[in-house]
C-alpha atoms as a PDB file:
ATOM      1  CA  MET A   1      12.747  16.290 -10.549  1.00  0.00           C
ATOM      2  CA  THR A   2       9.161  16.358 -11.775  1.00  0.00           C
ATOM      3  CA  ARG A   3       6.588  17.287  -9.124  1.00  0.00           C
ATOM      4  CA  LEU A   4       2.848  16.906  -8.706  1.00  0.00           C
ATOM      5  CA  PRO A   5       0.679  20.043  -8.344  1.00  0.00           C
ATOM      6  CA  THR A   6       0.870  19.445  -4.578  1.00  0.00           C
ATOM      7  CA  GLY A   7       4.645  19.921  -4.724  1.00  0.00           C
ATOM      8  CA  LYS A   8       5.351  16.264  -3.910  1.00  0.00           C
ATOM      9  CA  PRO A   9       7.961  14.611  -6.159  1.00  0.00           C
ATOM     10  CA  ILE A  10       6.760  12.101  -8.722  1.00  0.00           C
ATOM     11  CA  LEU A  11       8.267   8.777  -7.907  1.00  0.00           C
ATOM     12  CA  PRO A  12       8.800   6.181  -9.176  1.00  0.00           C
ATOM     13  CA  PHE A  13      10.634   6.798 -12.421  1.00  0.00           C
ATOM     14  CA  THR A  14       8.524   5.926 -15.443  1.00  0.00           C
ATOM     15  CA  PRO A  15       8.301   4.653 -18.075  1.00  0.00           C
ATOM     16  CA  THR A  16      10.625   1.730 -17.389  1.00  0.00           C
ATOM     17  CA  GLU A  17      10.409   0.229 -20.870  1.00  0.00           C
ATOM     18  CA  ASP A  18      11.060   1.323 -24.426  1.00  0.00           C
ATOM     19  CA  ASP A  19       8.664   1.173 -27.402  1.00  0.00           C
ATOM     20  CA  ASN A  20       9.545  -2.508 -27.922  1.00  0.00           C
ATOM     21  CA  HIS A  21       8.729  -3.343 -24.281  1.00  0.00           C
ATOM     22  CA  ASN A  22      12.385  -3.852 -23.340  1.00  0.00           C
ATOM     23  CA  PRO A  23      13.516  -2.757 -19.852  1.00  0.00           C
ATOM     24  CA  THR A  24      15.205   0.647 -19.749  1.00  0.00           C
ATOM     25  CA  ILE A  25      15.455   2.301 -16.317  1.00  0.00           C
ATOM     26  CA  CYS A  26      14.761   1.134 -12.779  1.00  0.00           C
ATOM     27  CA  ARG A  27      11.407   2.264 -11.398  1.00  0.00           C
ATOM     28  CA  VAL A  28      13.003   3.066  -8.029  1.00  0.00           C
ATOM     29  CA  CYS A  29      16.449   4.546  -8.707  1.00  0.00           C
ATOM     30  CA  ALA A  30      16.568   5.168 -12.507  1.00  0.00           C
ATOM     31  CA  ARG A  31      19.601   2.926 -13.040  1.00  0.00           C
ATOM     32  CA  ARG A  32      19.690   0.330 -15.860  1.00  0.00           C
ATOM     33  CA  ALA A  33      16.797  -2.070 -15.381  1.00  0.00           C
ATOM     34  CA  LEU A  34      16.688  -5.835 -15.696  1.00  0.00           C
ATOM     35  CA  GLY A  35      13.720  -7.816 -16.967  1.00  0.00           C
ATOM     36  CA  ILE A  36      12.157  -8.071 -13.517  1.00  0.00           C
ATOM     37  CA  GLY A  37       9.140  -5.858 -12.911  1.00  0.00           C
ATOM     38  CA  ILE A  38       6.829  -4.965 -10.047  1.00  0.00           C
ATOM     39  CA  GLY A  39       4.096  -3.148 -11.957  1.00  0.00           C
ATOM     40  CA  ALA A  40       1.146  -3.988 -14.149  1.00  0.00           C
ATOM     41  CA  PRO A  41       2.395  -5.843 -17.260  1.00  0.00           C
ATOM     42  CA  LYS A  42      -0.229  -4.257 -19.549  1.00  0.00           C
ATOM     43  CA  GLN A  43       0.795  -0.790 -18.386  1.00  0.00           C
ATOM     44  CA  ASP A  44       4.332  -0.006 -17.278  1.00  0.00           C
ATOM     45  CA  PRO A  45       5.859  -3.228 -15.897  1.00  0.00           C
ATOM     46  CA  GLY A  46       7.910  -1.297 -13.331  1.00  0.00           C
ATOM     47  CA  TYR A  47      11.271  -2.838 -14.158  1.00  0.00           C
ATOM     48  CA  LEU A  48      13.979  -2.813 -11.469  1.00  0.00           C
ATOM     49  CA  CYS A  49      17.788  -2.839 -11.464  1.00  0.00           C
ATOM     50  CA  GLY A  50      19.708  -5.666  -9.787  1.00  0.00           C
ATOM     51  CA  GLU A  51      20.268  -3.788  -6.524  1.00  0.00           C
ATOM     52  CA  CYS A  52      16.640  -2.722  -6.155  1.00  0.00           C
ATOM     53  CA  VAL A  53      15.494  -6.290  -6.812  1.00  0.00           C
ATOM     54  CA  LEU A  54      17.594  -7.348  -3.822  1.00  0.00           C
ATOM     55  CA  LEU A  55      16.268  -4.463  -1.733  1.00  0.00           C
ATOM     56  CA  ILE A  56      12.675  -5.360  -2.572  1.00  0.00           C
ATOM     57  CA  GLU A  57      13.348  -8.900  -1.357  1.00  0.00           C
ATOM     58  CA  GLU A  58      14.717  -7.463   1.902  1.00  0.00           C
ATOM     59  CA  LEU A  59      11.690  -5.185   2.288  1.00  0.00           C
ATOM     60  CA  ARG A  60       9.415  -8.202   2.084  1.00  0.00           C
ATOM     61  CA  GLN A  61      11.046  -9.426   5.290  1.00  0.00           C
ATOM     62  CA  VAL A  62      10.033  -6.284   7.220  1.00  0.00           C
ATOM     63  CA  ARG A  63       7.156  -7.104   9.530  1.00  0.00           C
ATOM     64  CA  ARG A  64       7.004  -3.968  11.692  1.00  0.00           C
ATOM     65  CA  MET A  65       4.392  -1.334  11.015  1.00  0.00           C
ATOM     66  CA  ASP A  66       5.509   2.242  10.485  1.00  0.00           C
ATOM     67  CA  GLN A  67       4.134   5.239  12.422  1.00  0.00           C
ATOM     68  CA  TYR A  68       1.301   5.786   9.942  1.00  0.00           C
ATOM     69  CA  GLU A  69       0.231   2.143   9.980  1.00  0.00           C
ATOM     70  CA  LEU A  70       0.281   2.101  13.769  1.00  0.00           C
ATOM     71  CA  GLN A  71      -1.942   5.188  13.858  1.00  0.00           C
ATOM     72  CA  ALA A  72      -4.186   3.632  11.198  1.00  0.00           C
ATOM     73  CA  LEU A  73      -4.837   0.739  13.574  1.00  0.00           C
ATOM     74  CA  ASP A  74      -6.881   3.239  15.590  1.00  0.00           C
ATOM     75  CA  GLY A  75      -9.130   3.588  12.550  1.00  0.00           C
ATOM     76  CA  ALA A  76      -9.622  -0.168  12.517  1.00  0.00           C
ATOM     77  CA  VAL A  77     -10.421  -0.185  16.234  1.00  0.00           C
ATOM     78  CA  ASP A  78     -12.920   2.657  15.791  1.00  0.00           C
ATOM     79  CA  ALA A  79     -14.620   0.896  12.861  1.00  0.00           C
ATOM     80  CA  VAL A  80     -14.868  -2.398  14.762  1.00  0.00           C
ATOM     81  CA  GLY A  81     -16.271  -0.568  17.780  1.00  0.00           C
ATOM     82  CA  GLU A  82     -18.922   1.101  15.617  1.00  0.00           C
ATOM     83  CA  TYR A  83     -19.837  -2.250  14.040  1.00  0.00           C
ATOM     84  CA  ILE A  84     -20.183  -3.961  17.407  1.00  0.00           C
ATOM     85  CA  GLU A  85     -22.160  -1.023  18.775  1.00  0.00           C
ATOM     86  CA  THR A  86     -24.546  -1.199  15.808  1.00  0.00           C
ATOM     87  CA  HIS A  87     -25.249  -4.897  16.448  1.00  0.00           C
ATOM     88  CA  GLY A  88     -25.202  -4.727  20.243  1.00  0.00           C
ATOM     89  CA  VAL A  89     -23.400  -8.076  20.534  1.00  0.00           C
ATOM     90  CA  THR A  90     -19.911  -8.005  22.032  1.00  0.00           C
ATOM     91  CA  ASP A  91     -19.267 -11.751  22.228  1.00  0.00           C
ATOM     92  CA  LEU A  92     -17.985 -12.934  18.843  1.00  0.00           C
ATOM     93  CA  GLN A  93     -19.170 -16.507  19.461  1.00  0.00           C
ATOM     94  CA  PHE A  94     -22.693 -15.270  18.741  1.00  0.00           C
ATOM     95  CA  TYR A  95     -21.731 -13.825  15.358  1.00  0.00           C
ATOM     96  CA  ASP A  96     -22.622 -15.929  12.332  1.00  0.00           C
ATOM     97  CA  GLU A  97     -20.131 -16.268   9.477  1.00  0.00           C
ATOM     98  CA  LEU A  98     -21.461 -13.209   7.620  1.00  0.00           C
ATOM     99  CA  MET A  99     -21.305 -11.017  10.723  1.00  0.00           C
ATOM    100  CA  GLN A 100     -17.734 -12.166  11.396  1.00  0.00           C
ATOM    101  CA  ARG A 101     -16.730 -11.295   7.850  1.00  0.00           C
ATOM    102  CA  MET A 102     -18.450  -7.934   8.012  1.00  0.00           C
ATOM    103  CA  LEU A 103     -16.654  -7.183  11.283  1.00  0.00           C
ATOM    104  CA  VAL A 104     -13.303  -7.938   9.666  1.00  0.00           C
ATOM    105  CA  LYS A 105     -14.321  -5.912   6.611  1.00  0.00           C
ATOM    106  CA  ALA A 106     -15.066  -2.955   8.901  1.00  0.00           C
ATOM    107  CA  ALA A 107     -11.595  -3.311  10.444  1.00  0.00           C
ATOM    108  CA  VAL A 108      -9.845  -3.479   7.062  1.00  0.00           C
ATOM    109  CA  GLN A 109     -11.776  -0.528   5.676  1.00  0.00           C
ATOM    110  CA  GLY A 110     -11.273   1.478   8.859  1.00  0.00           C
ATOM    111  CA  PHE A 111      -7.520   0.840   8.696  1.00  0.00           C
ATOM    112  CA  GLY A 112      -7.310   1.793   5.017  1.00  0.00           C
ATOM    113  CA  ASP A 113      -9.454   4.898   5.389  1.00  0.00           C
ATOM    114  CA  ARG A 114      -7.412   6.167   8.322  1.00  0.00           C
ATOM    115  CA  LEU A 115      -4.099   5.395   6.601  1.00  0.00           C
ATOM    116  CA  ARG A 116      -5.157   7.255   3.443  1.00  0.00           C
ATOM    117  CA  ARG A 117      -6.226  10.263   5.529  1.00  0.00           C
ATOM    118  CA  LEU A 118      -2.940  10.277   7.466  1.00  0.00           C
ATOM    119  CA  LEU A 119      -0.874  10.049   4.295  1.00  0.00           C
ATOM    120  CA  LYS A 120      -2.897  12.797   2.612  1.00  0.00           C
ATOM    121  CA  GLU A 121      -2.177  15.063   5.601  1.00  0.00           C
ATOM    122  CA  SER A 122       1.503  14.094   5.769  1.00  0.00           C
ATOM    123  CA  PRO A 123       4.202  16.656   4.942  1.00  0.00           C
ATOM    124  CA  PHE A 124       5.799  14.519   2.201  1.00  0.00           C
END
């Protein structure tokens, strides 16, 4: 298995198409791929096999956050707290539309920043 300089394995399997842009191997499991992709069409389309297509559909049904996402929520809470503290207004009814959007933006960015940090520090 090919590995990154960090020692982490390189997944998914690529490329998933041949020189004529026909599907070859599944991006997830390296079995024979179908013409259904999950990647960027102008780059590698990320073709999948029949079983992985079904699994992807099942994964879309999952609505629970994993341990990293749950911890990343703390980043969102911290970012929202900092935003509110900066503006000194705790009652959202007094926020105009821009302030509401910026508050949500702070939450989204705080979540993403914390999740990236957690994943970078993870053992896998």
